[in-house]
Amino acid sequence: MNDSNGQYSRIEKATTVNGNIISETDLRIDGSMEGTVTTKGKIIIGKEAKVKGTLNCQNVEIEGFFNGIINSIDSLNLKSTCEIEGEVKVGKLIVEAGAIFNATCSMNNDYEGVKTLTKNHEKTA
């Protein structure tokens, strides 16, 4: 996870979010969410989570359900318990046996979603 004093944002199991989230740190979703998540870190979708929308990030790890668009600069890690539907643009794809992957996949990090994310999160000295 991104170094932010070991902290990351979390949406708990009993929580439902409708809207957009922009975060400087990693984000773990264990509840339900509909909207867009943008972070320069990692997004983890827990085993019981249900997420619908767009993810723009460095890395994604999915154990639960996701429907929508994923723009991941580095990697998408699909655990055996996950179910994915939609469109994926990613640098690397890791799929465990048992994962359900019903999505179009482009393995190329040269697309608008990543360009925009990278520009918005440039570090300055």
N, C-alpha and C. Protein backbone atom coordinates (compact mmCIF):
# COMPACT_ATOMS: atom_id res chain seq x y z
N MET A 1 0.84 -1.18 0.00
CA MET A 1 0.00 0.00 0.00
C MET A 1 0.89 1.25 0.00
N ASN A 2 0.33 2.35 -0.50
CA ASN A 2 1.07 3.60 -0.52
C ASN A 2 1.45 4.02 0.89
N ASP A 3 2.62 4.60 1.03
CA ASP A 3 3.06 5.02 2.35
C ASP A 3 2.37 6.32 2.75
N SER A 4 1.41 6.20 3.62
CA SER A 4 0.72 7.35 4.18
C SER A 4 0.55 7.06 5.66
N ASN A 5 1.70 6.87 6.33
CA ASN A 5 1.75 6.46 7.72
C ASN A 5 1.00 5.14 7.94
N GLY A 6 1.07 4.25 6.94
CA GLY A 6 0.44 2.94 7.06
C GLY A 6 -1.07 3.00 6.97
N GLN A 7 -1.63 4.15 6.65
CA GLN A 7 -3.08 4.31 6.61
C GLN A 7 -3.60 4.16 5.18
N TYR A 8 -4.82 3.65 5.07
CA TYR A 8 -5.51 3.64 3.80
C TYR A 8 -6.98 3.88 4.08
N SER A 9 -7.68 4.34 3.07
CA SER A 9 -9.10 4.61 3.22
C SER A 9 -9.86 3.30 3.10
N ARG A 10 -11.03 3.23 3.77
CA ARG A 10 -11.79 1.99 3.77
C ARG A 10 -13.29 2.27 3.76
N ILE A 11 -14.00 1.53 2.93
CA ILE A 11 -15.46 1.55 2.93
C ILE A 11 -15.89 0.22 3.54
N GLU A 12 -16.46 0.30 4.74
CA GLU A 12 -16.80 -0.91 5.51
C GLU A 12 -17.95 -1.70 4.90
N LYS A 13 -18.09 -2.94 5.36
CA LYS A 13 -19.07 -3.89 4.85
C LYS A 13 -20.50 -3.35 4.91
N ALA A 14 -20.87 -2.65 5.96
CA ALA A 14 -22.24 -2.17 6.15
C ALA A 14 -22.48 -0.81 5.50
N THR A 15 -21.55 -0.35 4.65
CA THR A 15 -21.64 0.99 4.06
C THR A 15 -21.93 0.91 2.56
N THR A 16 -22.80 1.82 2.09
CA THR A 16 -23.10 1.96 0.67
C THR A 16 -22.73 3.37 0.25
N VAL A 17 -21.99 3.49 -0.84
CA VAL A 17 -21.57 4.80 -1.35
C VAL A 17 -22.05 4.96 -2.78
N ASN A 18 -22.68 6.11 -3.06
CA ASN A 18 -23.03 6.50 -4.42
C ASN A 18 -22.34 7.82 -4.68
N GLY A 19 -21.41 7.83 -5.65
CA GLY A 19 -20.69 9.06 -5.94
C GLY A 19 -19.26 8.78 -6.33
N ASN A 20 -18.45 9.82 -6.36
CA ASN A 20 -17.06 9.71 -6.80
C ASN A 20 -16.11 9.89 -5.63
N ILE A 21 -15.02 9.13 -5.67
CA ILE A 21 -14.00 9.23 -4.63
C ILE A 21 -12.66 9.52 -5.30
N ILE A 22 -11.96 10.53 -4.78
CA ILE A 22 -10.60 10.82 -5.21
C ILE A 22 -9.74 10.70 -3.97
N SER A 23 -8.71 9.85 -4.02
CA SER A 23 -7.91 9.58 -2.84
C SER A 23 -6.43 9.63 -3.16
N GLU A 24 -5.66 10.14 -2.22
CA GLU A 24 -4.20 10.15 -2.35
C GLU A 24 -3.62 8.82 -1.89
N THR A 25 -4.40 8.05 -1.12
CA THR A 25 -3.90 6.79 -0.55
C THR A 25 -4.64 5.60 -1.15
N ASP A 26 -4.24 4.42 -0.75
CA ASP A 26 -4.90 3.20 -1.17
C ASP A 26 -6.30 3.16 -0.60
N LEU A 27 -7.17 2.39 -1.25
CA LEU A 27 -8.56 2.30 -0.83
C LEU A 27 -9.01 0.85 -0.81
N ARG A 28 -9.66 0.44 0.28
CA ARG A 28 -10.24 -0.89 0.37
C ARG A 28 -11.75 -0.74 0.45
N ILE A 29 -12.46 -1.47 -0.42
CA ILE A 29 -13.92 -1.42 -0.43
C ILE A 29 -14.45 -2.79 -0.01
N ASP A 30 -15.17 -2.83 1.11
CA ASP A 30 -15.80 -4.06 1.58
C ASP A 30 -17.32 -3.97 1.51
N GLY A 31 -17.84 -2.77 1.23
CA GLY A 31 -19.28 -2.56 1.15
C GLY A 31 -19.74 -2.49 -0.30
N SER A 32 -20.78 -1.68 -0.54
CA SER A 32 -21.31 -1.48 -1.89
C SER A 32 -20.98 -0.08 -2.36
N MET A 33 -20.67 0.03 -3.64
CA MET A 33 -20.33 1.34 -4.19
C MET A 33 -20.75 1.44 -5.63
N GLU A 34 -21.25 2.62 -5.98
CA GLU A 34 -21.53 2.93 -7.37
C GLU A 34 -20.95 4.30 -7.65
N GLY A 35 -20.04 4.39 -8.64
CA GLY A 35 -19.40 5.66 -8.95
C GLY A 35 -18.01 5.46 -9.49
N THR A 36 -17.22 6.52 -9.43
CA THR A 36 -15.85 6.51 -9.94
C THR A 36 -14.87 6.66 -8.78
N VAL A 37 -13.85 5.81 -8.79
CA VAL A 37 -12.78 5.90 -7.79
C VAL A 37 -11.48 6.22 -8.53
N THR A 38 -10.79 7.28 -8.10
CA THR A 38 -9.51 7.65 -8.68
C THR A 38 -8.49 7.76 -7.55
N THR A 39 -7.42 7.00 -7.66
CA THR A 39 -6.34 7.07 -6.68
C THR A 39 -5.02 6.77 -7.37
N LYS A 40 -3.94 7.35 -6.85
CA LYS A 40 -2.63 7.00 -7.41
C LYS A 40 -2.08 5.76 -6.74
N GLY A 41 -2.84 5.16 -5.85
CA GLY A 41 -2.43 3.95 -5.17
C GLY A 41 -3.16 2.72 -5.67
N LYS A 42 -3.51 1.86 -4.73
CA LYS A 42 -4.11 0.56 -5.01
C LYS A 42 -5.57 0.56 -4.55
N ILE A 43 -6.42 -0.14 -5.29
CA ILE A 43 -7.81 -0.35 -4.89
C ILE A 43 -7.99 -1.84 -4.63
N ILE A 44 -8.54 -2.16 -3.46
CA ILE A 44 -8.85 -3.56 -3.13
C ILE A 44 -10.36 -3.66 -2.97
N ILE A 45 -10.95 -4.60 -3.70
CA ILE A 45 -12.38 -4.86 -3.57
C ILE A 45 -12.51 -6.18 -2.83
N GLY A 46 -13.04 -6.13 -1.60
CA GLY A 46 -13.14 -7.29 -0.73
C GLY A 46 -14.12 -8.34 -1.23
N LYS A 47 -14.08 -9.51 -0.60
CA LYS A 47 -14.84 -10.69 -1.02
C LYS A 47 -16.34 -10.45 -1.08
N GLU A 48 -16.90 -9.68 -0.14
CA GLU A 48 -18.35 -9.46 -0.10
C GLU A 48 -18.76 -8.14 -0.74
N ALA A 49 -17.82 -7.42 -1.31
CA ALA A 49 -18.11 -6.11 -1.90
C ALA A 49 -18.80 -6.24 -3.25
N LYS A 50 -19.62 -5.22 -3.56
CA LYS A 50 -20.25 -5.11 -4.87
C LYS A 50 -19.98 -3.69 -5.36
N VAL A 51 -19.22 -3.58 -6.45
CA VAL A 51 -18.82 -2.27 -6.95
C VAL A 51 -19.22 -2.15 -8.42
N LYS A 52 -19.82 -0.99 -8.74
CA LYS A 52 -20.25 -0.71 -10.10
C LYS A 52 -19.73 0.67 -10.45
N GLY A 53 -19.01 0.80 -11.57
CA GLY A 53 -18.52 2.12 -11.95
C GLY A 53 -17.19 2.07 -12.67
N THR A 54 -16.33 3.04 -12.35
CA THR A 54 -15.02 3.17 -13.00
C THR A 54 -13.94 3.25 -11.93
N LEU A 55 -12.86 2.48 -12.14
CA LEU A 55 -11.70 2.52 -11.25
C LEU A 55 -10.51 3.04 -12.05
N ASN A 56 -9.86 4.11 -11.56
CA ASN A 56 -8.64 4.67 -12.15
C ASN A 56 -7.57 4.61 -11.08
N CYS A 57 -6.53 3.78 -11.29
CA CYS A 57 -5.56 3.60 -10.22
C CYS A 57 -4.25 2.99 -10.73
N GLN A 58 -3.34 2.74 -9.79
CA GLN A 58 -2.06 2.10 -10.09
C GLN A 58 -2.23 0.59 -10.16
N ASN A 59 -2.88 0.00 -9.14
CA ASN A 59 -3.09 -1.44 -9.05
C ASN A 59 -4.49 -1.72 -8.52
N VAL A 60 -5.05 -2.88 -8.91
CA VAL A 60 -6.36 -3.30 -8.42
C VAL A 60 -6.27 -4.76 -8.02
N GLU A 61 -6.89 -5.09 -6.88
CA GLU A 61 -7.02 -6.48 -6.44
C GLU A 61 -8.51 -6.70 -6.16
N ILE A 62 -9.10 -7.71 -6.81
CA ILE A 62 -10.54 -7.92 -6.66
C ILE A 62 -10.84 -9.32 -6.16
N GLU A 63 -11.60 -9.38 -5.05
CA GLU A 63 -12.07 -10.64 -4.49
C GLU A 63 -13.58 -10.77 -4.67
N GLY A 64 -14.29 -9.64 -4.78
CA GLY A 64 -15.74 -9.62 -4.86
C GLY A 64 -16.25 -9.38 -6.26
N PHE A 65 -17.37 -8.62 -6.38
CA PHE A 65 -18.03 -8.37 -7.65
C PHE A 65 -17.71 -6.96 -8.15
N PHE A 66 -17.39 -6.85 -9.45
CA PHE A 66 -17.17 -5.54 -10.07
C PHE A 66 -17.80 -5.53 -11.45
N ASN A 67 -18.50 -4.42 -11.76
CA ASN A 67 -19.08 -4.22 -13.07
C ASN A 67 -18.75 -2.80 -13.51
N GLY A 68 -18.06 -2.67 -14.64
CA GLY A 68 -17.73 -1.34 -15.13
C GLY A 68 -16.41 -1.30 -15.87
N ILE A 69 -15.70 -0.19 -15.69
CA ILE A 69 -14.45 0.06 -16.40
C ILE A 69 -13.30 0.14 -15.40
N ILE A 70 -12.22 -0.57 -15.71
CA ILE A 70 -11.00 -0.52 -14.88
C ILE A 70 -9.86 0.02 -15.73
N ASN A 71 -9.25 1.12 -15.27
CA ASN A 71 -8.04 1.68 -15.88
C ASN A 71 -6.93 1.54 -14.84
N SER A 72 -6.08 0.54 -15.00
CA SER A 72 -5.02 0.29 -14.03
C SER A 72 -3.66 0.42 -14.72
N ILE A 73 -2.85 1.35 -14.23
CA ILE A 73 -1.55 1.60 -14.84
C ILE A 73 -0.67 0.35 -14.77
N ASP A 74 -0.66 -0.31 -13.63
CA ASP A 74 0.24 -1.44 -13.44
C ASP A 74 -0.48 -2.78 -13.58
N SER A 75 -1.18 -3.23 -12.53
CA SER A 75 -1.71 -4.59 -12.58
C SER A 75 -3.14 -4.71 -12.07
N LEU A 76 -3.80 -5.75 -12.56
CA LEU A 76 -5.12 -6.16 -12.10
C LEU A 76 -4.98 -7.59 -11.63
N ASN A 77 -5.28 -7.83 -10.33
CA ASN A 77 -5.14 -9.16 -9.73
C ASN A 77 -6.53 -9.67 -9.40
N LEU A 78 -6.98 -10.70 -10.13
CA LEU A 78 -8.31 -11.27 -9.93
C LEU A 78 -8.19 -12.53 -9.08
N LYS A 79 -8.76 -12.46 -7.88
CA LYS A 79 -8.73 -13.60 -6.96
C LYS A 79 -9.78 -14.63 -7.36
N SER A 80 -9.67 -15.84 -6.84
CA SER A 80 -10.54 -16.94 -7.23
C SER A 80 -12.02 -16.69 -6.94
N THR A 81 -12.33 -15.79 -5.99
CA THR A 81 -13.71 -15.54 -5.59
C THR A 81 -14.37 -14.38 -6.35
N CYS A 82 -13.64 -13.75 -7.27
CA CYS A 82 -14.17 -12.54 -7.91
C CYS A 82 -15.02 -12.83 -9.13
N GLU A 83 -15.84 -11.82 -9.47
CA GLU A 83 -16.62 -11.84 -10.70
C GLU A 83 -16.52 -10.46 -11.31
N ILE A 84 -16.04 -10.39 -12.56
CA ILE A 84 -15.79 -9.13 -13.25
C ILE A 84 -16.62 -9.08 -14.52
N GLU A 85 -17.25 -7.92 -14.75
CA GLU A 85 -17.96 -7.65 -16.00
C GLU A 85 -17.58 -6.26 -16.45
N GLY A 86 -17.36 -6.08 -17.76
CA GLY A 86 -17.11 -4.73 -18.25
C GLY A 86 -15.93 -4.63 -19.17
N GLU A 87 -15.12 -3.58 -18.94
CA GLU A 87 -13.99 -3.26 -19.80
C GLU A 87 -12.76 -3.00 -18.95
N VAL A 88 -11.65 -3.63 -19.33
CA VAL A 88 -10.42 -3.53 -18.54
C VAL A 88 -9.29 -3.03 -19.43
N LYS A 89 -8.57 -2.00 -18.94
CA LYS A 89 -7.35 -1.52 -19.58
C LYS A 89 -6.27 -1.59 -18.51
N VAL A 90 -5.25 -2.41 -18.76
CA VAL A 90 -4.30 -2.73 -17.70
C VAL A 90 -2.91 -3.02 -18.27
N GLY A 91 -1.88 -2.85 -17.43
CA GLY A 91 -0.53 -3.21 -17.82
C GLY A 91 -0.29 -4.71 -17.71
N LYS A 92 -0.70 -5.30 -16.56
CA LYS A 92 -0.53 -6.75 -16.32
C LYS A 92 -1.83 -7.31 -15.77
N LEU A 93 -2.15 -8.54 -16.16
CA LEU A 93 -3.36 -9.21 -15.69
C LEU A 93 -2.97 -10.51 -15.00
N ILE A 94 -3.42 -10.67 -13.74
CA ILE A 94 -3.15 -11.88 -12.97
C ILE A 94 -4.50 -12.48 -12.60
N VAL A 95 -4.76 -13.71 -13.05
CA VAL A 95 -6.07 -14.33 -12.82
C VAL A 95 -5.87 -15.67 -12.11
N GLU A 96 -6.49 -15.81 -10.92
CA GLU A 96 -6.46 -17.08 -10.20
C GLU A 96 -7.53 -18.00 -10.76
N ALA A 97 -7.30 -19.31 -10.66
CA ALA A 97 -8.28 -20.30 -11.09
C ALA A 97 -9.57 -20.08 -10.31
N GLY A 98 -10.70 -20.09 -11.02
CA GLY A 98 -11.99 -19.90 -10.37
C GLY A 98 -12.56 -18.51 -10.56
N ALA A 99 -11.72 -17.54 -10.92
CA ALA A 99 -12.19 -16.17 -11.14
C ALA A 99 -13.10 -16.14 -12.36
N ILE A 100 -14.18 -15.34 -12.29
CA ILE A 100 -15.08 -15.17 -13.42
C ILE A 100 -14.75 -13.84 -14.07
N PHE A 101 -14.31 -13.89 -15.33
CA PHE A 101 -13.83 -12.71 -16.04
C PHE A 101 -14.59 -12.56 -17.35
N ASN A 102 -15.65 -11.76 -17.32
CA ASN A 102 -16.47 -11.50 -18.50
C ASN A 102 -16.29 -10.04 -18.90
N ALA A 103 -15.13 -9.73 -19.48
CA ALA A 103 -14.81 -8.35 -19.82
C ALA A 103 -13.92 -8.31 -21.05
N THR A 104 -13.97 -7.17 -21.75
CA THR A 104 -12.99 -6.95 -22.79
C THR A 104 -11.72 -6.46 -22.11
N CYS A 105 -10.58 -6.87 -22.61
CA CYS A 105 -9.32 -6.54 -21.94
C CYS A 105 -8.31 -6.01 -22.94
N SER A 106 -7.75 -4.86 -22.63
CA SER A 106 -6.69 -4.27 -23.42
C SER A 106 -5.47 -4.15 -22.51
N MET A 107 -4.39 -4.81 -22.88
CA MET A 107 -3.17 -4.76 -22.06
C MET A 107 -2.19 -3.78 -22.69
N ASN A 108 -2.45 -2.51 -22.41
CA ASN A 108 -1.65 -1.43 -22.97
C ASN A 108 -1.83 -0.23 -22.06
N ASN A 109 -0.75 0.27 -21.50
CA ASN A 109 -0.89 1.38 -20.58
C ASN A 109 -0.81 2.74 -21.28
N ASP A 110 -0.93 2.75 -22.60
CA ASP A 110 -0.88 4.01 -23.34
C ASP A 110 -2.29 4.38 -23.81
N TYR A 111 -3.16 4.72 -22.88
CA TYR A 111 -4.51 5.13 -23.21
C TYR A 111 -4.89 6.31 -22.33
N GLU A 112 -5.95 7.00 -22.70
CA GLU A 112 -6.32 8.26 -22.05
C GLU A 112 -6.50 8.15 -20.54
N GLY A 113 -7.15 7.09 -20.05
CA GLY A 113 -7.40 6.95 -18.62
C GLY A 113 -6.12 7.02 -17.80
N VAL A 114 -5.08 6.35 -18.28
CA VAL A 114 -3.82 6.34 -17.56
C VAL A 114 -3.08 7.66 -17.75
N LYS A 115 -3.12 8.21 -18.95
CA LYS A 115 -2.46 9.50 -19.19
C LYS A 115 -3.03 10.56 -18.27
N THR A 116 -4.35 10.61 -18.18
CA THR A 116 -5.02 11.60 -17.33
C THR A 116 -4.66 11.38 -15.87
N LEU A 117 -4.70 10.12 -15.42
CA LEU A 117 -4.39 9.80 -14.03
C LEU A 117 -2.95 10.19 -13.69
N THR A 118 -2.02 9.88 -14.58
CA THR A 118 -0.61 10.19 -14.35
C THR A 118 -0.38 11.69 -14.29
N LYS A 119 -1.00 12.44 -15.20
CA LYS A 119 -0.83 13.89 -15.23
C LYS A 119 -1.35 14.51 -13.94
N ASN A 120 -2.50 14.03 -13.47
CA ASN A 120 -3.11 14.61 -12.28
C ASN A 120 -2.33 14.31 -11.03
N HIS A 121 -1.44 13.34 -11.05
CA HIS A 121 -0.75 12.92 -9.84
C HIS A 121 0.76 13.01 -9.95
N GLU A 122 1.25 13.98 -10.76
CA GLU A 122 2.69 14.16 -10.85
C GLU A 122 3.23 14.66 -9.52
N LYS A 123 4.36 14.13 -9.12
CA LYS A 123 5.00 14.59 -7.89
C LYS A 123 5.94 15.74 -8.23
N THR A 124 5.95 16.76 -7.37
CA THR A 124 6.85 17.89 -7.58
C THR A 124 7.83 17.96 -6.42
N ALA A 125 9.02 18.45 -6.72
CA ALA A 125 10.05 18.52 -5.69
C ALA A 125 9.85 19.71 -4.80
